[in-house]
Amino acid sequence: MLTLHLLRHAKSSWDDPTRPDCDRPLTSRGVRDAERLAEQVRSSGVRPQLVVCSPATRTRQTLDRLASGLPLGVPVQVDATIYGCTERDLWRRVQALPDDVNEVLVIGHNPSLHELASELANDGDDAAIARLRHKFPTAALATFAWRQDSWSSLKRTQAVLHSFTRPRDL
């Protein structure tokens, strides 16, 4: 069984219009949301064997705040292809994951995360699917599972949404 966690970075600042988008930091609310999510991740048994993270400041800061809820020493790949990618590119990245890793956390951005999650959310709790398709807010985490054992063989239509957590749910 393969498990994919899709996490949108926590709330980021737009205070400095001269700052490049990639360099925008988290707001105080974003820091609080990411720290609360760390507690949820720890208690819900999320145990990725690999984290793939966009290089944007807000995604790396989200990961820093989330780290206390993750397994100690989990490898992190900062991947520039996650920043600004399309939903299709993100799906290709998922399918290229190594098969010796069966649980992965991807920390990225909308619209690609929301679009991919919406495409994958065909089976699972109907209310959670509806919430996910309606909006994928900052610091939201969607968890999908497949019965396959190879990332490259995954079919979007065979994913099961196990959970969808938003900051307001915590």
Foldseek 3Di string as FASTA:
>chain_A
DAKEKEAEFFAWDCPDVVDDPLATAHDPRSLVLLLVVLVVLQVVPQEWLEEEEESRNRGVSSCVSNVNSYPPPRYYHHDNCQEPHALVSVLVVQQPDDLVTRYYYYYHHPPNSLVLLLLLAPAEDPVQNVVSNVDQHHRKMWMWDAPDRHSNPDDSPRIHTPDIDDSVND
